[in-house]
Amino acid sequence: MSENSVTPLLSLDGVQANYGDFQALFGISMVVNPGEIVTLIGANGAGKTTTLRVISGLLKPRNGRIVFNGQEITGLPAHEIVSLGISQVPEGRQLFPFMSVEENLVLGAYIDRTRGKIPQLLEEQFTFSPKLKERRAQLAGTLSGGEQQMVAIARGLMAQPKLLLLDEPSLGLAPKIVEEVFQKILQIGERGVTVMLVEQNVVDGLSVSERGYVVEHGAIRMEGASRDLLLNAEVRRAYLGL
């Protein structure tokens, strides 16, 4: 899909962000087109999660502009951004361990446009992920890591997002489970949800996406088609040890 032939669903232009006196982002500019899966790769502390946080409104940018679905969202509070159609699945899943799977999912549909459709939305997620239906009454804290990740993703989808932000979905999971998680991400894309994926697992992250950005020291170091980045000598040396 050509970047020039479509209007981006999301665009960042010169976004800077700080944590107190520490500057974390230095002019991030990128686009995500409708229906794409786009992966951000980079080392720990490179600014990948911070980029997601400014998009979702959890961190107010110091400078720059963020436009989503034709509307400027720079600096809007997180609850307004969720209502507009951006949902984030945080690193580490952050479920409520003493609540059931179903109760955790319902929390994802608290916004006005989905609150009245909770039974229908639950059924959609249980159809999309049948294992969750089997576990619906089970406490989230008693699930395996992979099952918890599937709950976290389903909770993000309960808000019926146009754009799903996924932060390190493979973190701490066994290789076989990682494969299942990435298969689910591909299926989400096939259902028409645009995905921005932050992932240290470079091969898997780029393998499921159309395009990728390499983030280093709070700036975009490189961008391109995912297949080209996977073959790039610099990427292979820095992130794959090849």
C-alpha atoms as a PDB file:
ATOM      1  CA  MET A   1       0.000   0.000   0.000  1.00  0.00           C
ATOM      2  CA  SER A   2       1.541   3.313  -1.059  1.00  0.00           C
ATOM      3  CA  GLU A   3       1.800   6.025   1.586  1.00  0.00           C
ATOM      4  CA  ASN A   4       1.010   8.630  -1.072  1.00  0.00           C
ATOM      5  CA  SER A   5      -2.197   7.067  -2.385  1.00  0.00           C
ATOM      6  CA  VAL A   6      -4.206   7.079   0.842  1.00  0.00           C
ATOM      7  CA  THR A   7      -4.950   9.450   3.684  1.00  0.00           C
ATOM      8  CA  PRO A   8      -3.188   8.136   6.792  1.00  0.00           C
ATOM      9  CA  LEU A   9      -5.353   6.969   9.659  1.00  0.00           C
ATOM     10  CA  LEU A  10      -2.673   8.249  12.042  1.00  0.00           C
ATOM     11  CA  SER A  11       0.160  10.705  11.534  1.00  0.00           C
ATOM     12  CA  LEU A  12       2.785  12.057  13.909  1.00  0.00           C
ATOM     13  CA  ASP A  13       4.725  15.150  12.902  1.00  0.00           C
ATOM     14  CA  GLY A  14       7.752  16.265  14.899  1.00  0.00           C
ATOM     15  CA  VAL A  15       6.503  14.856  18.197  1.00  0.00           C
ATOM     16  CA  GLN A  16       8.702  15.568  21.214  1.00  0.00           C
ATOM     17  CA  ALA A  17       7.984  14.338  24.734  1.00  0.00           C
ATOM     18  CA  ASN A  18       9.564  14.570  28.150  1.00  0.00           C
ATOM     19  CA  TYR A  19       9.447  12.753  31.462  1.00  0.00           C
ATOM     20  CA  GLY A  20      10.158  15.695  33.730  1.00  0.00           C
ATOM     21  CA  ASP A  21      13.506  17.125  32.626  1.00  0.00           C
ATOM     22  CA  PHE A  22      14.386  14.021  30.625  1.00  0.00           C
ATOM     23  CA  GLN A  23      13.593  14.280  26.918  1.00  0.00           C
ATOM     24  CA  ALA A  24      12.393  10.919  25.611  1.00  0.00           C
ATOM     25  CA  LEU A  25      11.258  11.750  22.062  1.00  0.00           C
ATOM     26  CA  PHE A  26      13.123  14.008  19.633  1.00  0.00           C
ATOM     27  CA  GLY A  27      10.821  14.846  16.738  1.00  0.00           C
ATOM     28  CA  ILE A  28       9.078  11.552  15.911  1.00  0.00           C
ATOM     29  CA  SER A  29       7.307  11.640  12.518  1.00  0.00           C
ATOM     30  CA  MET A  30       5.463   8.626  11.109  1.00  0.00           C
ATOM     31  CA  VAL A  31       2.239   7.546   9.439  1.00  0.00           C
ATOM     32  CA  VAL A  32      -0.034   4.530   9.776  1.00  0.00           C
ATOM     33  CA  ASN A  33      -2.422   3.866   6.906  1.00  0.00           C
ATOM     34  CA  PRO A  34      -5.886   2.319   7.265  1.00  0.00           C
ATOM     35  CA  GLY A  35      -5.773  -1.482   7.477  1.00  0.00           C
ATOM     36  CA  GLU A  36      -2.016  -1.693   7.997  1.00  0.00           C
ATOM     37  CA  ILE A  37      -0.015  -3.473  10.644  1.00  0.00           C
ATOM     38  CA  VAL A  38       2.999  -1.269  11.394  1.00  0.00           C
ATOM     39  CA  THR A  39       5.809  -2.360  13.732  1.00  0.00           C
ATOM     40  CA  LEU A  40       8.103  -0.185  15.821  1.00  0.00           C
ATOM     41  CA  ILE A  41      11.366  -1.902  16.698  1.00  0.00           C
ATOM     42  CA  GLY A  42      14.280  -0.732  18.792  1.00  0.00           C
ATOM     43  CA  ALA A  43      16.241  -1.416  21.947  1.00  0.00           C
ATOM     44  CA  ASN A  44      14.942  -0.974  25.495  1.00  0.00           C
ATOM     45  CA  GLY A  45      14.589   2.710  26.274  1.00  0.00           C
ATOM     46  CA  ALA A  46      14.609   3.745  22.603  1.00  0.00           C
ATOM     47  CA  GLY A  47      11.249   5.541  22.867  1.00  0.00           C
ATOM     48  CA  LYS A  48       8.852   2.952  21.430  1.00  0.00           C
ATOM     49  CA  THR A  49       6.503   2.764  24.422  1.00  0.00           C
ATOM     50  CA  THR A  50       6.701   6.531  24.904  1.00  0.00           C
ATOM     51  CA  THR A  51       5.508   6.934  21.316  1.00  0.00           C
ATOM     52  CA  LEU A  52       2.463   4.798  22.088  1.00  0.00           C
ATOM     53  CA  ARG A  53       1.843   6.760  25.281  1.00  0.00           C
ATOM     54  CA  VAL A  54       1.692  10.111  23.485  1.00  0.00           C
ATOM     55  CA  ILE A  55      -0.622   8.654  20.821  1.00  0.00           C
ATOM     56  CA  SER A  56      -3.031   7.265  23.435  1.00  0.00           C
ATOM     57  CA  GLY A  57      -2.971  10.403  25.583  1.00  0.00           C
ATOM     58  CA  LEU A  58      -1.185   8.892  28.568  1.00  0.00           C
ATOM     59  CA  LEU A  59       1.678  11.363  28.073  1.00  0.00           C
ATOM     60  CA  LYS A  60       1.214  14.885  26.743  1.00  0.00           C
ATOM     61  CA  PRO A  61       3.693  15.752  23.991  1.00  0.00           C
ATOM     62  CA  ARG A  62       5.896  18.814  24.500  1.00  0.00           C
ATOM     63  CA  ASN A  63       5.877  19.656  20.812  1.00  0.00           C
ATOM     64  CA  GLY A  64       4.613  18.352  17.490  1.00  0.00           C
ATOM     65  CA  ARG A  65       1.283  17.284  16.085  1.00  0.00           C
ATOM     66  CA  ILE A  66      -0.744  14.060  16.150  1.00  0.00           C
ATOM     67  CA  VAL A  67      -3.677  13.588  13.758  1.00  0.00           C
ATOM     68  CA  PHE A  68      -6.026  10.602  13.908  1.00  0.00           C
ATOM     69  CA  ASN A  69      -8.792   9.895  11.403  1.00  0.00           C
ATOM     70  CA  GLY A  70      -8.627  13.494  10.158  1.00  0.00           C
ATOM     71  CA  GLN A  71      -8.806  15.065  13.623  1.00  0.00           C
ATOM     72  CA  GLU A  72      -5.971  16.579  15.615  1.00  0.00           C
ATOM     73  CA  ILE A  73      -5.669  14.737  18.938  1.00  0.00           C
ATOM     74  CA  THR A  74      -2.448  16.307  20.212  1.00  0.00           C
ATOM     75  CA  GLY A  75      -2.673  16.570  23.982  1.00  0.00           C
ATOM     76  CA  LEU A  76      -6.247  15.272  24.305  1.00  0.00           C
ATOM     77  CA  PRO A  77      -6.929  13.261  27.493  1.00  0.00           C
ATOM     78  CA  ALA A  78      -6.756   9.478  27.198  1.00  0.00           C
ATOM     79  CA  HIS A  79     -10.495   8.843  27.670  1.00  0.00           C
ATOM     80  CA  GLU A  80     -11.330  11.125  24.729  1.00  0.00           C
ATOM     81  CA  ILE A  81      -8.773   9.394  22.524  1.00  0.00           C
ATOM     82  CA  VAL A  82     -10.237   5.970  23.366  1.00  0.00           C
ATOM     83  CA  SER A  83     -13.693   7.300  22.445  1.00  0.00           C
ATOM     84  CA  LEU A  84     -12.335   8.429  19.064  1.00  0.00           C
ATOM     85  CA  GLY A  85     -11.166   4.885  18.283  1.00  0.00           C
ATOM     86  CA  ILE A  86      -7.656   4.245  19.637  1.00  0.00           C
ATOM     87  CA  SER A  87      -7.199   1.412  22.126  1.00  0.00           C
ATOM     88  CA  GLN A  88      -3.934   0.404  23.798  1.00  0.00           C
ATOM     89  CA  VAL A  89      -2.930  -3.031  25.073  1.00  0.00           C
ATOM     90  CA  PRO A  90      -0.202  -2.208  27.607  1.00  0.00           C
ATOM     91  CA  GLU A  91       3.080  -3.983  28.158  1.00  0.00           C
ATOM     92  CA  GLY A  92       2.738  -6.578  30.905  1.00  0.00           C
ATOM     93  CA  ARG A  93      -0.990  -7.014  30.213  1.00  0.00           C
ATOM     94  CA  GLN A  94      -2.106  -5.179  33.395  1.00  0.00           C
ATOM     95  CA  LEU A  95      -5.203  -7.272  34.032  1.00  0.00           C
ATOM     96  CA  PHE A  96      -7.110  -7.218  37.306  1.00  0.00           C
ATOM     97  CA  PRO A  97      -6.028 -10.611  38.699  1.00  0.00           C
ATOM     98  CA  PHE A  98      -8.878 -11.049  41.198  1.00  0.00           C
ATOM     99  CA  MET A  99     -11.573 -10.312  38.627  1.00  0.00           C
ATOM    100  CA  SER A 100     -12.874 -12.876  36.159  1.00  0.00           C
ATOM    101  CA  VAL A 101     -11.968 -12.953  32.481  1.00  0.00           C
ATOM    102  CA  GLU A 102     -15.429 -11.621  31.622  1.00  0.00           C
ATOM    103  CA  GLU A 103     -15.185  -8.803  34.175  1.00  0.00           C
ATOM    104  CA  ASN A 104     -11.810  -7.758  32.751  1.00  0.00           C
ATOM    105  CA  LEU A 105     -13.266  -7.709  29.236  1.00  0.00           C
ATOM    106  CA  VAL A 106     -16.260  -5.613  30.275  1.00  0.00           C
ATOM    107  CA  LEU A 107     -13.878  -2.929  31.542  1.00  0.00           C
ATOM    108  CA  GLY A 108     -12.701  -2.460  27.955  1.00  0.00           C
ATOM    109  CA  ALA A 109     -16.176  -1.337  26.889  1.00  0.00           C
ATOM    110  CA  TYR A 110     -16.737   1.423  29.428  1.00  0.00           C
ATOM    111  CA  ILE A 111     -16.891   4.256  26.854  1.00  0.00           C
ATOM    112  CA  ASP A 112     -20.268   5.667  25.818  1.00  0.00           C
ATOM    113  CA  ARG A 113     -20.422   4.214  22.316  1.00  0.00           C
ATOM    114  CA  THR A 114     -19.802   0.629  23.469  1.00  0.00           C
ATOM    115  CA  ARG A 115     -21.331   0.505  26.966  1.00  0.00           C
ATOM    116  CA  GLY A 116     -24.779  -0.375  25.633  1.00  0.00           C
ATOM    117  CA  LYS A 117     -23.437  -3.219  23.471  1.00  0.00           C
ATOM    118  CA  ILE A 118     -21.526  -5.225  26.075  1.00  0.00           C
ATOM    119  CA  PRO A 119     -23.345  -8.599  25.601  1.00  0.00           C
ATOM    120  CA  GLN A 120     -22.857  -8.398  21.830  1.00  0.00           C
ATOM    121  CA  LEU A 121     -19.215  -7.358  22.164  1.00  0.00           C
ATOM    122  CA  LEU A 122     -18.507 -10.149  24.641  1.00  0.00           C
ATOM    123  CA  GLU A 123     -20.001 -12.679  22.256  1.00  0.00           C
ATOM    124  CA  GLU A 124     -17.845 -11.313  19.418  1.00  0.00           C
ATOM    125  CA  GLN A 125     -14.688 -11.764  21.491  1.00  0.00           C
ATOM    126  CA  PHE A 126     -15.710 -15.226  22.689  1.00  0.00           C
ATOM    127  CA  THR A 127     -16.333 -16.227  19.063  1.00  0.00           C
ATOM    128  CA  PHE A 128     -12.998 -14.708  17.981  1.00  0.00           C
ATOM    129  CA  SER A 129     -11.138 -16.388  20.887  1.00  0.00           C
ATOM    130  CA  PRO A 130     -13.100 -19.510  21.940  1.00  0.00           C
ATOM    131  CA  LYS A 131     -10.638 -20.334  24.743  1.00  0.00           C
ATOM    132  CA  LEU A 132     -11.698 -17.151  26.502  1.00  0.00           C
ATOM    133  CA  LYS A 133     -15.291 -18.336  26.506  1.00  0.00           C
ATOM    134  CA  GLU A 134     -14.195 -21.496  28.318  1.00  0.00           C
ATOM    135  CA  ARG A 135     -12.355 -19.325  30.858  1.00  0.00           C
ATOM    136  CA  ARG A 136     -14.933 -16.535  31.168  1.00  0.00           C
ATOM    137  CA  ALA A 137     -15.641 -17.161  34.873  1.00  0.00           C
ATOM    138  CA  GLN A 138     -12.018 -17.905  35.806  1.00  0.00           C
ATOM    139  CA  LEU A 139      -9.970 -15.349  37.747  1.00  0.00           C
ATOM    140  CA  ALA A 140      -7.583 -13.613  35.335  1.00  0.00           C
ATOM    141  CA  GLY A 141      -4.671 -14.059  37.732  1.00  0.00           C
ATOM    142  CA  THR A 142      -4.929 -17.843  37.500  1.00  0.00           C
ATOM    143  CA  LEU A 143      -4.490 -17.938  33.712  1.00  0.00           C
ATOM    144  CA  SER A 144      -1.256 -18.752  31.916  1.00  0.00           C
ATOM    145  CA  GLY A 145       0.793 -15.869  30.509  1.00  0.00           C
ATOM    146  CA  GLY A 146      -0.424 -16.567  26.989  1.00  0.00           C
ATOM    147  CA  GLU A 147      -4.066 -16.687  28.074  1.00  0.00           C
ATOM    148  CA  GLN A 148      -3.637 -13.429  29.967  1.00  0.00           C
ATOM    149  CA  GLN A 149      -2.210 -11.800  26.841  1.00  0.00           C
ATOM    150  CA  MET A 150      -5.236 -12.957  24.838  1.00  0.00           C
ATOM    151  CA  VAL A 151      -7.521 -11.451  27.498  1.00  0.00           C
ATOM    152  CA  ALA A 152      -5.608  -8.161  27.327  1.00  0.00           C
ATOM    153  CA  ILE A 153      -5.940  -8.067  23.536  1.00  0.00           C
ATOM    154  CA  ALA A 154      -9.641  -8.930  23.705  1.00  0.00           C
ATOM    155  CA  ARG A 155     -10.167  -6.198  26.315  1.00  0.00           C
ATOM    156  CA  GLY A 156      -8.564  -3.722  23.905  1.00  0.00           C
ATOM    157  CA  LEU A 157     -10.892  -4.872  21.125  1.00  0.00           C
ATOM    158  CA  MET A 158     -13.983  -4.429  23.338  1.00  0.00           C
ATOM    159  CA  ALA A 159     -13.752  -0.675  22.679  1.00  0.00           C
ATOM    160  CA  GLN A 160     -14.213  -1.372  18.930  1.00  0.00           C
ATOM    161  CA  PRO A 161     -11.059   0.547  17.990  1.00  0.00           C
ATOM    162  CA  LYS A 162     -10.092   1.717  14.533  1.00  0.00           C
ATOM    163  CA  LEU A 163      -6.456   1.562  15.719  1.00  0.00           C
ATOM    164  CA  LEU A 164      -5.093  -0.977  18.213  1.00  0.00           C
ATOM    165  CA  LEU A 165      -1.777  -0.170  19.901  1.00  0.00           C
ATOM    166  CA  LEU A 166       0.030  -3.317  21.084  1.00  0.00           C
ATOM    167  CA  ASP A 167       2.994  -2.888  23.433  1.00  0.00           C
ATOM    168  CA  GLU A 168       5.370  -5.886  23.591  1.00  0.00           C
ATOM    169  CA  PRO A 169       2.690  -8.607  23.282  1.00  0.00           C
ATOM    170  CA  SER A 170       5.287 -11.422  23.205  1.00  0.00           C
ATOM    171  CA  LEU A 171       7.056 -10.336  26.399  1.00  0.00           C
ATOM    172  CA  GLY A 172       7.755 -13.253  28.740  1.00  0.00           C
ATOM    173  CA  LEU A 173       5.924 -15.854  26.655  1.00  0.00           C
ATOM    174  CA  ALA A 174       7.152 -19.249  25.482  1.00  0.00           C
ATOM    175  CA  PRO A 175       7.947 -19.498  21.740  1.00  0.00           C
ATOM    176  CA  LYS A 176       4.890 -21.634  20.940  1.00  0.00           C
ATOM    177  CA  ILE A 177       2.613 -19.129  22.682  1.00  0.00           C
ATOM    178  CA  VAL A 178       4.338 -16.229  20.925  1.00  0.00           C
ATOM    179  CA  GLU A 179       3.420 -17.871  17.627  1.00  0.00           C
ATOM    180  CA  GLU A 180      -0.250 -18.008  18.695  1.00  0.00           C
ATOM    181  CA  VAL A 181      -0.214 -14.359  19.758  1.00  0.00           C
ATOM    182  CA  PHE A 182       1.209 -13.199  16.423  1.00  0.00           C
ATOM    183  CA  GLN A 183      -1.299 -15.351  14.563  1.00  0.00           C
ATOM    184  CA  LYS A 184      -4.030 -13.548  16.512  1.00  0.00           C
ATOM    185  CA  ILE A 185      -2.524 -10.177  15.535  1.00  0.00           C
ATOM    186  CA  LEU A 186      -2.682 -11.178  11.863  1.00  0.00           C
ATOM    187  CA  GLN A 187      -6.328 -12.170  12.318  1.00  0.00           C
ATOM    188  CA  ILE A 188      -7.082  -8.807  13.926  1.00  0.00           C
ATOM    189  CA  GLY A 189      -5.612  -7.110  10.869  1.00  0.00           C
ATOM    190  CA  GLU A 190      -7.695  -9.320   8.592  1.00  0.00           C
ATOM    191  CA  ARG A 191     -10.804  -8.136  10.460  1.00  0.00           C
ATOM    192  CA  GLY A 192     -10.047  -4.566   9.379  1.00  0.00           C
ATOM    193  CA  VAL A 193      -8.496  -3.192  12.561  1.00  0.00           C
ATOM    194  CA  THR A 194      -5.350  -1.139  11.984  1.00  0.00           C
ATOM    195  CA  VAL A 195      -2.508  -2.176  14.304  1.00  0.00           C
ATOM    196  CA  MET A 196       0.589  -0.406  15.593  1.00  0.00           C
ATOM    197  CA  LEU A 197       2.877  -2.957  17.210  1.00  0.00           C
ATOM    198  CA  VAL A 198       5.833  -2.285  19.506  1.00  0.00           C
ATOM    199  CA  GLU A 199       8.002  -5.380  19.641  1.00  0.00           C
ATOM    200  CA  GLN A 200      11.532  -6.349  20.659  1.00  0.00           C
ATOM    201  CA  ASN A 201      11.067  -9.685  18.904  1.00  0.00           C
ATOM    202  CA  VAL A 202      12.235  -8.176  15.620  1.00  0.00           C
ATOM    203  CA  VAL A 203      11.683 -11.128  13.286  1.00  0.00           C
ATOM    204  CA  ASP A 204       8.148 -11.914  14.457  1.00  0.00           C
ATOM    205  CA  GLY A 205       7.199  -8.247  14.743  1.00  0.00           C
ATOM    206  CA  LEU A 206       8.288  -7.428  11.196  1.00  0.00           C
ATOM    207  CA  SER A 207       6.972 -10.721   9.802  1.00  0.00           C
ATOM    208  CA  VAL A 208       3.350  -9.815  10.602  1.00  0.00           C
ATOM    209  CA  SER A 209       3.542  -6.184   9.446  1.00  0.00           C
ATOM    210  CA  GLU A 210       3.585  -4.333   6.147  1.00  0.00           C
ATOM    211  CA  ARG A 211       5.942  -1.586   7.268  1.00  0.00           C
ATOM    212  CA  GLY A 212       8.266  -0.836  10.129  1.00  0.00           C
ATOM    213  CA  TYR A 213      10.094   1.971  11.887  1.00  0.00           C
ATOM    214  CA  VAL A 214      13.379   1.625  13.746  1.00  0.00           C
ATOM    215  CA  VAL A 215      13.415   3.864  16.832  1.00  0.00           C
ATOM    216  CA  GLU A 216      16.745   4.817  18.429  1.00  0.00           C
ATOM    217  CA  HIS A 217      17.335   7.374  21.180  1.00  0.00           C
ATOM    218  CA  GLY A 218      13.867   8.869  20.777  1.00  0.00           C
ATOM    219  CA  ALA A 219      14.071   9.386  17.009  1.00  0.00           C
ATOM    220  CA  ILE A 220      13.231   7.462  13.844  1.00  0.00           C
ATOM    221  CA  ARG A 221      16.488   5.949  12.647  1.00  0.00           C
ATOM    222  CA  MET A 222      15.104   4.018   9.684  1.00  0.00           C
ATOM    223  CA  GLU A 223      11.793   3.137   8.037  1.00  0.00           C
ATOM    224  CA  GLY A 224      10.593   0.971   5.203  1.00  0.00           C
ATOM    225  CA  ALA A 225       8.783  -2.143   4.094  1.00  0.00           C
ATOM    226  CA  SER A 226       9.101  -4.817   6.769  1.00  0.00           C
ATOM    227  CA  ARG A 227      10.670  -7.317   4.370  1.00  0.00           C
ATOM    228  CA  ASP A 228      13.346  -4.742   3.453  1.00  0.00           C
ATOM    229  CA  LEU A 229      14.118  -3.998   7.106  1.00  0.00           C
ATOM    230  CA  LEU A 230      14.475  -7.732   7.798  1.00  0.00           C
ATOM    231  CA  LEU A 231      17.092  -7.924   5.049  1.00  0.00           C
ATOM    232  CA  ASN A 232      18.851  -4.676   5.990  1.00  0.00           C
ATOM    233  CA  ALA A 233      22.448  -5.322   7.091  1.00  0.00           C
ATOM    234  CA  GLU A 234      22.338  -2.679   9.819  1.00  0.00           C
ATOM    235  CA  VAL A 235      19.101  -4.040  11.299  1.00  0.00           C
ATOM    236  CA  ARG A 236      20.392  -7.611  11.149  1.00  0.00           C
ATOM    237  CA  ARG A 237      23.608  -6.646  12.873  1.00  0.00           C
ATOM    238  CA  ALA A 238      22.028  -4.455  15.564  1.00  0.00           C
ATOM    239  CA  TYR A 239      18.949  -6.518  16.418  1.00  0.00           C
ATOM    240  CA  LEU A 240      19.518 -10.038  15.144  1.00  0.00           C
ATOM    241  CA  GLY A 241      23.241 -10.429  15.884  1.00  0.00           C
ATOM    242  CA  LEU A 242      23.934 -11.404  12.279  1.00  0.00           C
END
